[in-house]
Protein backbone atom coordinates (compact mmCIF):
# COMPACT_ATOMS: atom_id res chain seq x y z
CA UNK A 1 0.00 0.00 0.00
CA UNK A 2 2.81 2.40 0.85
CA UNK A 3 4.28 2.10 -2.65
CA UNK A 4 1.07 3.39 -4.27
CA UNK A 5 0.22 6.06 -1.68
CA UNK A 6 3.09 6.83 0.69
CA UNK A 7 1.95 7.25 4.26
CA UNK A 8 -0.63 4.49 4.30
CA UNK A 9 1.90 1.98 5.59
CA UNK A 10 2.79 4.33 8.41
CA UNK A 11 -0.88 4.60 9.33
CA UNK A 12 -1.12 0.81 9.54
CA UNK A 13 2.00 0.64 11.71
CA UNK A 14 0.73 3.09 14.31
CA UNK A 15 2.06 6.44 13.11
CA UNK A 16 -1.32 7.85 12.10
CA UNK A 17 -0.59 11.58 12.01
CA UNK A 18 2.75 11.23 10.30
CA UNK A 19 1.23 8.88 7.73
CA UNK A 20 -1.65 11.28 7.11
CA UNK A 21 0.75 14.19 6.64
CA UNK A 22 2.86 12.26 4.11
CA UNK A 23 -0.26 11.06 2.26
CA UNK A 24 -1.64 14.62 2.02
CA UNK A 25 1.78 15.92 0.90
CA UNK A 26 1.90 13.30 -1.85
CA UNK A 27 -1.75 13.78 -2.80
CA UNK A 28 -1.43 17.53 -3.28
CA UNK A 29 1.71 17.27 -5.35
CA UNK A 30 0.45 14.45 -7.54
CA UNK A 31 -2.93 16.15 -8.09
CA UNK A 32 -1.35 19.34 -9.39
CA UNK A 33 1.13 17.37 -11.50
CA UNK A 34 -1.65 15.26 -13.02
CA UNK A 35 -3.72 18.35 -13.79
CA UNK A 36 -0.73 20.02 -15.43
CA UNK A 37 0.18 16.98 -17.51
CA UNK A 38 -3.18 15.44 -18.42
CA UNK A 39 -6.24 17.50 -17.55
CA UNK A 40 -5.40 21.13 -18.30
CA UNK A 41 -1.87 21.45 -19.67
CA UNK A 42 -2.65 24.73 -21.46
CA UNK A 43 -3.71 26.52 -18.30
CA UNK A 44 -1.08 25.29 -15.82
CA UNK A 45 2.50 26.44 -16.52
CA UNK A 46 5.06 23.75 -17.21
CA UNK A 47 7.31 24.95 -14.39
CA UNK A 48 4.48 24.53 -11.90
CA UNK A 49 3.75 21.05 -13.23
CA UNK A 50 7.39 19.97 -12.89
CA UNK A 51 7.66 21.52 -9.43
CA UNK A 52 4.56 19.66 -8.30
CA UNK A 53 5.90 16.42 -9.79
CA UNK A 54 9.18 16.88 -7.87
CA UNK A 55 7.16 17.70 -4.75
CA UNK A 56 5.19 14.44 -5.12
CA UNK A 57 8.37 12.49 -5.87
CA UNK A 58 10.03 13.84 -2.74
CA UNK A 59 6.98 12.85 -0.70
CA UNK A 60 7.17 9.34 -2.16
CA UNK A 61 10.87 8.95 -1.29
CA UNK A 62 10.38 10.35 2.24
CA UNK A 63 7.37 8.07 2.78
CA UNK A 64 9.36 4.98 1.83
CA UNK A 65 12.24 6.00 4.08
CA UNK A 66 9.96 6.65 7.05
CA UNK A 67 8.25 3.29 6.54
CA UNK A 68 11.60 1.48 6.44
CA UNK A 69 12.69 3.26 9.63
CA UNK A 70 9.42 2.35 11.37
CA UNK A 71 9.78 -1.32 10.39
CA UNK A 72 13.37 -1.35 11.68
CA UNK A 73 12.20 0.23 14.94
CA UNK A 74 9.42 -2.31 15.43
CA UNK A 75 11.71 -5.26 14.71
CA UNK A 76 14.29 -4.14 17.28
CA UNK A 77 13.58 -6.10 20.48
CA UNK A 78 15.08 -3.41 22.74
CA UNK A 79 14.66 0.00 21.08
CA UNK A 80 16.89 2.62 22.58
CA UNK A 81 18.79 0.18 24.78
CA UNK A 82 22.23 -0.77 23.61
CA UNK A 83 24.22 -3.23 25.67
CA UNK A 84 27.95 -2.94 24.99
CA UNK A 85 29.75 -6.02 23.84
CA UNK A 86 32.13 -7.52 26.43
CA UNK A 87 35.75 -6.71 25.76
CA UNK A 88 38.08 -9.67 25.44
CA UNK A 89 40.68 -9.55 28.23
C-alpha atoms as a PDB file:
ATOM      1  CA  UNK A   1       0.000   0.000   0.000  1.00  0.00           C
ATOM      2  CA  UNK A   2       2.805   2.399   0.850  1.00  0.00           C
ATOM      3  CA  UNK A   3       4.277   2.100  -2.653  1.00  0.00           C
ATOM      4  CA  UNK A   4       1.071   3.390  -4.272  1.00  0.00           C
ATOM      5  CA  UNK A   5       0.215   6.062  -1.677  1.00  0.00           C
ATOM      6  CA  UNK A   6       3.086   6.830   0.685  1.00  0.00           C
ATOM      7  CA  UNK A   7       1.955   7.248   4.262  1.00  0.00           C
ATOM      8  CA  UNK A   8      -0.633   4.485   4.297  1.00  0.00           C
ATOM      9  CA  UNK A   9       1.902   1.977   5.585  1.00  0.00           C
ATOM     10  CA  UNK A  10       2.788   4.335   8.411  1.00  0.00           C
ATOM     11  CA  UNK A  11      -0.880   4.605   9.335  1.00  0.00           C
ATOM     12  CA  UNK A  12      -1.119   0.814   9.536  1.00  0.00           C
ATOM     13  CA  UNK A  13       2.003   0.636  11.713  1.00  0.00           C
ATOM     14  CA  UNK A  14       0.725   3.087  14.310  1.00  0.00           C
ATOM     15  CA  UNK A  15       2.061   6.442  13.105  1.00  0.00           C
ATOM     16  CA  UNK A  16      -1.320   7.854  12.095  1.00  0.00           C
ATOM     17  CA  UNK A  17      -0.594  11.583  12.014  1.00  0.00           C
ATOM     18  CA  UNK A  18       2.747  11.229  10.300  1.00  0.00           C
ATOM     19  CA  UNK A  19       1.228   8.881   7.728  1.00  0.00           C
ATOM     20  CA  UNK A  20      -1.648  11.275   7.113  1.00  0.00           C
ATOM     21  CA  UNK A  21       0.753  14.191   6.640  1.00  0.00           C
ATOM     22  CA  UNK A  22       2.860  12.262   4.107  1.00  0.00           C
ATOM     23  CA  UNK A  23      -0.264  11.058   2.256  1.00  0.00           C
ATOM     24  CA  UNK A  24      -1.639  14.624   2.022  1.00  0.00           C
ATOM     25  CA  UNK A  25       1.777  15.923   0.902  1.00  0.00           C
ATOM     26  CA  UNK A  26       1.902  13.299  -1.853  1.00  0.00           C
ATOM     27  CA  UNK A  27      -1.747  13.782  -2.802  1.00  0.00           C
ATOM     28  CA  UNK A  28      -1.435  17.527  -3.275  1.00  0.00           C
ATOM     29  CA  UNK A  29       1.710  17.267  -5.353  1.00  0.00           C
ATOM     30  CA  UNK A  30       0.445  14.449  -7.543  1.00  0.00           C
ATOM     31  CA  UNK A  31      -2.931  16.147  -8.094  1.00  0.00           C
ATOM     32  CA  UNK A  32      -1.349  19.341  -9.387  1.00  0.00           C
ATOM     33  CA  UNK A  33       1.131  17.373 -11.498  1.00  0.00           C
ATOM     34  CA  UNK A  34      -1.652  15.256 -13.020  1.00  0.00           C
ATOM     35  CA  UNK A  35      -3.715  18.351 -13.786  1.00  0.00           C
ATOM     36  CA  UNK A  36      -0.731  20.022 -15.435  1.00  0.00           C
ATOM     37  CA  UNK A  37       0.179  16.977 -17.511  1.00  0.00           C
ATOM     38  CA  UNK A  38      -3.175  15.441 -18.421  1.00  0.00           C
ATOM     39  CA  UNK A  39      -6.241  17.501 -17.555  1.00  0.00           C
ATOM     40  CA  UNK A  40      -5.404  21.131 -18.298  1.00  0.00           C
ATOM     41  CA  UNK A  41      -1.870  21.447 -19.670  1.00  0.00           C
ATOM     42  CA  UNK A  42      -2.652  24.728 -21.463  1.00  0.00           C
ATOM     43  CA  UNK A  43      -3.708  26.524 -18.296  1.00  0.00           C
ATOM     44  CA  UNK A  44      -1.075  25.289 -15.824  1.00  0.00           C
ATOM     45  CA  UNK A  45       2.497  26.438 -16.522  1.00  0.00           C
ATOM     46  CA  UNK A  46       5.064  23.748 -17.209  1.00  0.00           C
ATOM     47  CA  UNK A  47       7.311  24.949 -14.386  1.00  0.00           C
ATOM     48  CA  UNK A  48       4.479  24.525 -11.897  1.00  0.00           C
ATOM     49  CA  UNK A  49       3.751  21.053 -13.230  1.00  0.00           C
ATOM     50  CA  UNK A  50       7.389  19.974 -12.894  1.00  0.00           C
ATOM     51  CA  UNK A  51       7.661  21.519  -9.427  1.00  0.00           C
ATOM     52  CA  UNK A  52       4.560  19.661  -8.304  1.00  0.00           C
ATOM     53  CA  UNK A  53       5.900  16.416  -9.787  1.00  0.00           C
ATOM     54  CA  UNK A  54       9.180  16.878  -7.874  1.00  0.00           C
ATOM     55  CA  UNK A  55       7.156  17.701  -4.749  1.00  0.00           C
ATOM     56  CA  UNK A  56       5.193  14.444  -5.119  1.00  0.00           C
ATOM     57  CA  UNK A  57       8.374  12.490  -5.871  1.00  0.00           C
ATOM     58  CA  UNK A  58      10.035  13.839  -2.742  1.00  0.00           C
ATOM     59  CA  UNK A  59       6.980  12.845  -0.698  1.00  0.00           C
ATOM     60  CA  UNK A  60       7.167   9.336  -2.160  1.00  0.00           C
ATOM     61  CA  UNK A  61      10.867   8.954  -1.286  1.00  0.00           C
ATOM     62  CA  UNK A  62      10.385  10.347   2.243  1.00  0.00           C
ATOM     63  CA  UNK A  63       7.371   8.071   2.783  1.00  0.00           C
ATOM     64  CA  UNK A  64       9.362   4.979   1.826  1.00  0.00           C
ATOM     65  CA  UNK A  65      12.242   6.000   4.084  1.00  0.00           C
ATOM     66  CA  UNK A  66       9.958   6.652   7.049  1.00  0.00           C
ATOM     67  CA  UNK A  67       8.253   3.289   6.542  1.00  0.00           C
ATOM     68  CA  UNK A  68      11.597   1.480   6.442  1.00  0.00           C
ATOM     69  CA  UNK A  69      12.690   3.264   9.625  1.00  0.00           C
ATOM     70  CA  UNK A  70       9.416   2.348  11.368  1.00  0.00           C
ATOM     71  CA  UNK A  71       9.782  -1.316  10.391  1.00  0.00           C
ATOM     72  CA  UNK A  72      13.374  -1.353  11.684  1.00  0.00           C
ATOM     73  CA  UNK A  73      12.203   0.231  14.939  1.00  0.00           C
ATOM     74  CA  UNK A  74       9.415  -2.312  15.431  1.00  0.00           C
ATOM     75  CA  UNK A  75      11.711  -5.262  14.706  1.00  0.00           C
ATOM     76  CA  UNK A  76      14.291  -4.141  17.282  1.00  0.00           C
ATOM     77  CA  UNK A  77      13.583  -6.105  20.478  1.00  0.00           C
ATOM     78  CA  UNK A  78      15.083  -3.414  22.739  1.00  0.00           C
ATOM     79  CA  UNK A  79      14.661  -0.003  21.083  1.00  0.00           C
ATOM     80  CA  UNK A  80      16.888   2.621  22.583  1.00  0.00           C
ATOM     81  CA  UNK A  81      18.793   0.176  24.785  1.00  0.00           C
ATOM     82  CA  UNK A  82      22.231  -0.767  23.607  1.00  0.00           C
ATOM     83  CA  UNK A  83      24.223  -3.226  25.665  1.00  0.00           C
ATOM     84  CA  UNK A  84      27.945  -2.938  24.994  1.00  0.00           C
ATOM     85  CA  UNK A  85      29.748  -6.025  23.842  1.00  0.00           C
ATOM     86  CA  UNK A  86      32.133  -7.515  26.430  1.00  0.00           C
ATOM     87  CA  UNK A  87      35.754  -6.712  25.763  1.00  0.00           C
ATOM     88  CA  UNK A  88      38.084  -9.667  25.443  1.00  0.00           C
ATOM     89  CA  UNK A  89      40.677  -9.546  28.230  1.00  0.00           C
END
